[in-house]
C-alpha atoms as a PDB file:
ATOM      1  CA  UNK A   1      30.378  -5.799  26.256  1.00  0.00           C
ATOM      2  CA  UNK A   2      29.054  -9.223  24.340  1.00  0.00           C
ATOM      3  CA  UNK A   3      27.740  -8.118  20.566  1.00  0.00           C
ATOM      4  CA  UNK A   4      24.954  -9.975  19.164  1.00  0.00           C
ATOM      5  CA  UNK A   5      26.227 -11.811  16.570  1.00  0.00           C
ATOM      6  CA  UNK A   6      22.640 -12.864  14.731  1.00  0.00           C
ATOM      7  CA  UNK A   7      21.192 -10.173  11.828  1.00  0.00           C
ATOM      8  CA  UNK A   8      18.168  -8.279  13.137  1.00  0.00           C
ATOM      9  CA  UNK A   9      14.974  -9.157  12.349  1.00  0.00           C
ATOM     10  CA  UNK A  10      13.769  -7.547   9.165  1.00  0.00           C
ATOM     11  CA  UNK A  11      10.264  -6.777   7.500  1.00  0.00           C
ATOM     12  CA  UNK A  12      10.097  -7.626   3.647  1.00  0.00           C
ATOM     13  CA  UNK A  13       7.797  -5.804   1.664  1.00  0.00           C
ATOM     14  CA  UNK A  14       7.219  -7.924  -1.798  1.00  0.00           C
ATOM     15  CA  UNK A  15       5.055  -6.075  -4.861  1.00  0.00           C
ATOM     16  CA  UNK A  16       3.339  -7.527  -7.989  1.00  0.00           C
ATOM     17  CA  UNK A  17       2.947  -5.291 -10.752  1.00  0.00           C
ATOM     18  CA  UNK A  18       0.332  -6.178 -13.382  1.00  0.00           C
ATOM     19  CA  UNK A  19      -1.804  -4.068 -15.781  1.00  0.00           C
ATOM     20  CA  UNK A  20      -5.712  -3.981 -14.527  1.00  0.00           C
ATOM     21  CA  UNK A  21      -7.159  -2.879 -17.409  1.00  0.00           C
ATOM     22  CA  UNK A  22      -6.671  -1.597 -20.650  1.00  0.00           C
ATOM     23  CA  UNK A  23      -8.313   1.804 -19.636  1.00  0.00           C
ATOM     24  CA  UNK A  24      -6.526   1.922 -16.340  1.00  0.00           C
ATOM     25  CA  UNK A  25      -2.926   0.983 -15.121  1.00  0.00           C
ATOM     26  CA  UNK A  26      -2.822   1.237 -11.399  1.00  0.00           C
ATOM     27  CA  UNK A  27       0.591   0.374 -10.666  1.00  0.00           C
ATOM     28  CA  UNK A  28       2.366   0.537  -6.556  1.00  0.00           C
ATOM     29  CA  UNK A  29       6.287   0.923  -5.746  1.00  0.00           C
ATOM     30  CA  UNK A  30       9.524  -0.365  -5.203  1.00  0.00           C
ATOM     31  CA  UNK A  31       8.661  -3.932  -6.481  1.00  0.00           C
ATOM     32  CA  UNK A  32      10.668  -5.262  -3.116  1.00  0.00           C
ATOM     33  CA  UNK A  33      11.646  -3.667  -0.151  1.00  0.00           C
ATOM     34  CA  UNK A  34      13.029  -4.807   3.054  1.00  0.00           C
ATOM     35  CA  UNK A  35      12.182  -2.841   6.475  1.00  0.00           C
ATOM     36  CA  UNK A  36      13.946  -3.275   9.580  1.00  0.00           C
ATOM     37  CA  UNK A  37      11.739  -4.201  12.663  1.00  0.00           C
ATOM     38  CA  UNK A  38      11.093  -0.360  13.979  1.00  0.00           C
ATOM     39  CA  UNK A  39      11.845   1.492  10.850  1.00  0.00           C
ATOM     40  CA  UNK A  40       9.590   3.243   9.212  1.00  0.00           C
ATOM     41  CA  UNK A  41       9.063   2.809   5.551  1.00  0.00           C
ATOM     42  CA  UNK A  42       6.362   4.361   2.619  1.00  0.00           C
ATOM     43  CA  UNK A  43       5.500   2.602  -1.225  1.00  0.00           C
ATOM     44  CA  UNK A  44       3.488   4.378  -3.748  1.00  0.00           C
ATOM     45  CA  UNK A  45       0.391   3.657  -5.817  1.00  0.00           C
ATOM     46  CA  UNK A  46       0.519   5.250  -9.628  1.00  0.00           C
ATOM     47  CA  UNK A  47      -2.552   5.911 -11.162  1.00  0.00           C
ATOM     48  CA  UNK A  48      -3.450   8.417 -14.435  1.00  0.00           C
ATOM     49  CA  UNK A  49      -4.705  11.627 -12.992  1.00  0.00           C
ATOM     50  CA  UNK A  50      -6.825  11.926 -15.870  1.00  0.00           C
ATOM     51  CA  UNK A  51      -9.300   9.194 -15.673  1.00  0.00           C
ATOM     52  CA  UNK A  52      -9.544   9.353 -11.301  1.00  0.00           C
ATOM     53  CA  UNK A  53     -12.252   9.766  -9.104  1.00  0.00           C
ATOM     54  CA  UNK A  54     -11.413   7.626  -5.726  1.00  0.00           C
ATOM     55  CA  UNK A  55      -8.294   6.116  -4.823  1.00  0.00           C
ATOM     56  CA  UNK A  56      -8.972   2.876  -2.048  1.00  0.00           C
ATOM     57  CA  UNK A  57      -6.108   0.952   0.376  1.00  0.00           C
ATOM     58  CA  UNK A  58      -6.855  -2.750   1.072  1.00  0.00           C
ATOM     59  CA  UNK A  59      -4.939  -5.081   3.538  1.00  0.00           C
ATOM     60  CA  UNK A  60      -5.019  -8.557   3.016  1.00  0.00           C
ATOM     61  CA  UNK A  61      -4.217 -11.813   5.542  1.00  0.00           C
ATOM     62  CA  UNK A  62      -4.636 -15.445   5.067  1.00  0.00           C
ATOM     63  CA  UNK A  63      -7.636 -16.707   5.954  1.00  0.00           C
ATOM     64  CA  UNK A  64      -9.102 -13.500   6.516  1.00  0.00           C
ATOM     65  CA  UNK A  65     -11.033 -10.996   4.371  1.00  0.00           C
ATOM     66  CA  UNK A  66      -9.983  -7.735   2.677  1.00  0.00           C
ATOM     67  CA  UNK A  67     -10.005  -4.840   4.843  1.00  0.00           C
ATOM     68  CA  UNK A  68     -10.625  -2.026   3.207  1.00  0.00           C
ATOM     69  CA  UNK A  69      -8.288   0.616   4.789  1.00  0.00           C
ATOM     70  CA  UNK A  70      -8.816   4.142   3.256  1.00  0.00           C
ATOM     71  CA  UNK A  71     -10.794   5.509   0.351  1.00  0.00           C
ATOM     72  CA  UNK A  72      -9.344   8.888  -0.949  1.00  0.00           C
ATOM     73  CA  UNK A  73     -10.362  11.419  -3.161  1.00  0.00           C
ATOM     74  CA  UNK A  74      -9.652  14.884  -2.543  1.00  0.00           C
ATOM     75  CA  UNK A  75      -5.967  16.221  -3.598  1.00  0.00           C
ATOM     76  CA  UNK A  76      -3.613  16.888  -0.989  1.00  0.00           C
ATOM     77  CA  UNK A  77      -6.356  15.232   1.305  1.00  0.00           C
ATOM     78  CA  UNK A  78      -4.170  13.047   4.260  1.00  0.00           C
ATOM     79  CA  UNK A  79      -5.621  10.289   6.088  1.00  0.00           C
ATOM     80  CA  UNK A  80      -4.547   8.495   9.476  1.00  0.00           C
ATOM     81  CA  UNK A  81      -4.954   5.011  11.163  1.00  0.00           C
ATOM     82  CA  UNK A  82      -2.751   4.271  14.245  1.00  0.00           C
ATOM     83  CA  UNK A  83       0.526   4.332  12.747  1.00  0.00           C
ATOM     84  CA  UNK A  84      -0.405   4.098   9.027  1.00  0.00           C
ATOM     85  CA  UNK A  85      -0.781   7.289   7.096  1.00  0.00           C
ATOM     86  CA  UNK A  86      -2.072   7.644   3.020  1.00  0.00           C
ATOM     87  CA  UNK A  87      -1.920  10.625   1.093  1.00  0.00           C
ATOM     88  CA  UNK A  88      -2.727  11.692  -2.208  1.00  0.00           C
ATOM     89  CA  UNK A  89      -1.816  13.956  -4.721  1.00  0.00           C
ATOM     90  CA  UNK A  90      -4.081  13.935  -7.897  1.00  0.00           C
ATOM     91  CA  UNK A  91      -2.156  16.355 -10.034  1.00  0.00           C
ATOM     92  CA  UNK A  92       0.875  14.456 -10.488  1.00  0.00           C
ATOM     93  CA  UNK A  93      -1.411  10.974 -10.276  1.00  0.00           C
ATOM     94  CA  UNK A  94       0.072   9.111  -6.954  1.00  0.00           C
ATOM     95  CA  UNK A  95      -1.129   8.413  -3.169  1.00  0.00           C
ATOM     96  CA  UNK A  96       1.620   7.287  -1.027  1.00  0.00           C
ATOM     97  CA  UNK A  97       1.469   4.678   2.583  1.00  0.00           C
ATOM     98  CA  UNK A  98       3.806   5.532   5.057  1.00  0.00           C
ATOM     99  CA  UNK A  99       3.816   2.999   7.968  1.00  0.00           C
ATOM    100  CA  UNK A 100       5.768   3.997  11.178  1.00  0.00           C
ATOM    101  CA  UNK A 101       7.832   1.481  13.114  1.00  0.00           C
ATOM    102  CA  UNK A 102       7.340  -1.076  11.367  1.00  0.00           C
ATOM    103  CA  UNK A 103       6.071  -4.321  13.151  1.00  0.00           C
ATOM    104  CA  UNK A 104       5.626  -7.798  12.901  1.00  0.00           C
ATOM    105  CA  UNK A 105       1.432  -7.259  12.741  1.00  0.00           C
ATOM    106  CA  UNK A 106       1.935  -4.910   9.484  1.00  0.00           C
ATOM    107  CA  UNK A 107       2.608  -8.317   7.436  1.00  0.00           C
ATOM    108  CA  UNK A 108      -0.141  -8.295   5.135  1.00  0.00           C
ATOM    109  CA  UNK A 109      -0.980  -8.162   1.842  1.00  0.00           C
ATOM    110  CA  UNK A 110      -2.014  -4.243   0.671  1.00  0.00           C
ATOM    111  CA  UNK A 111      -3.459  -3.221  -2.241  1.00  0.00           C
ATOM    112  CA  UNK A 112      -4.308   0.065  -3.864  1.00  0.00           C
ATOM    113  CA  UNK A 113      -7.198  -0.029  -6.448  1.00  0.00           C
ATOM    114  CA  UNK A 114      -8.691   3.011  -8.322  1.00  0.00           C
ATOM    115  CA  UNK A 115     -12.327   3.977  -9.591  1.00  0.00           C
ATOM    116  CA  UNK A 116     -13.102   5.975 -12.418  1.00  0.00           C
ATOM    117  CA  UNK A 117     -16.865   7.180 -11.226  1.00  0.00           C
ATOM    118  CA  UNK A 118     -18.491   8.135  -8.323  1.00  0.00           C
ATOM    119  CA  UNK A 119     -21.709   5.748  -8.121  1.00  0.00           C
ATOM    120  CA  UNK A 120     -21.437   3.328  -5.514  1.00  0.00           C
ATOM    121  CA  UNK A 121     -22.229   0.662  -8.036  1.00  0.00           C
ATOM    122  CA  UNK A 122     -18.877   1.631  -9.521  1.00  0.00           C
ATOM    123  CA  UNK A 123     -16.130  -1.309  -8.974  1.00  0.00           C
ATOM    124  CA  UNK A 124     -12.222  -0.036  -8.266  1.00  0.00           C
ATOM    125  CA  UNK A 125      -9.936  -1.443 -10.984  1.00  0.00           C
ATOM    126  CA  UNK A 126      -7.477  -3.534  -8.322  1.00  0.00           C
ATOM    127  CA  UNK A 127      -3.843  -4.380  -8.605  1.00  0.00           C
ATOM    128  CA  UNK A 128      -2.244  -7.259  -7.468  1.00  0.00           C
ATOM    129  CA  UNK A 129      -0.556  -6.473  -4.664  1.00  0.00           C
ATOM    130  CA  UNK A 130       2.002  -5.693  -2.025  1.00  0.00           C
ATOM    131  CA  UNK A 131       2.813  -8.072   0.148  1.00  0.00           C
ATOM    132  CA  UNK A 132       4.174  -7.588   3.419  1.00  0.00           C
ATOM    133  CA  UNK A 133       6.050 -10.056   5.058  1.00  0.00           C
ATOM    134  CA  UNK A 134       7.386 -11.067   8.882  1.00  0.00           C
ATOM    135  CA  UNK A 135      10.862 -13.030   8.291  1.00  0.00           C
ATOM    136  CA  UNK A 136      12.376 -13.878  11.531  1.00  0.00           C
ATOM    137  CA  UNK A 137      16.274 -14.532  11.110  1.00  0.00           C
END
């Protein structure tokens, strides 16, 4: 039996952390994550639970518009779209995004943002960005 000597294809998750507002800090973790194709992974967005109203998860791809994947606001809530699932824990101040069986088409920039008010006119405080890249060796 001949073994394949080429390394497996990997997905790369990259995160830029930044302070967005002096009133609200939203952080995403981990800062760098390598994911093998077909493997599941997750990442977390943390926020001050005292100033939370709703959390938004976005997906952006080059030359495309930003897509709002999820808006989640109820503690313990879970939302799903295909192989992607998000959960929310307002008491602990975090939301997690899970990608089951990562595939090349998952390559994108993922962002989380928090809002502090219920008004439709209230803008989310975005945090730059979680980047999911496809890298084939």
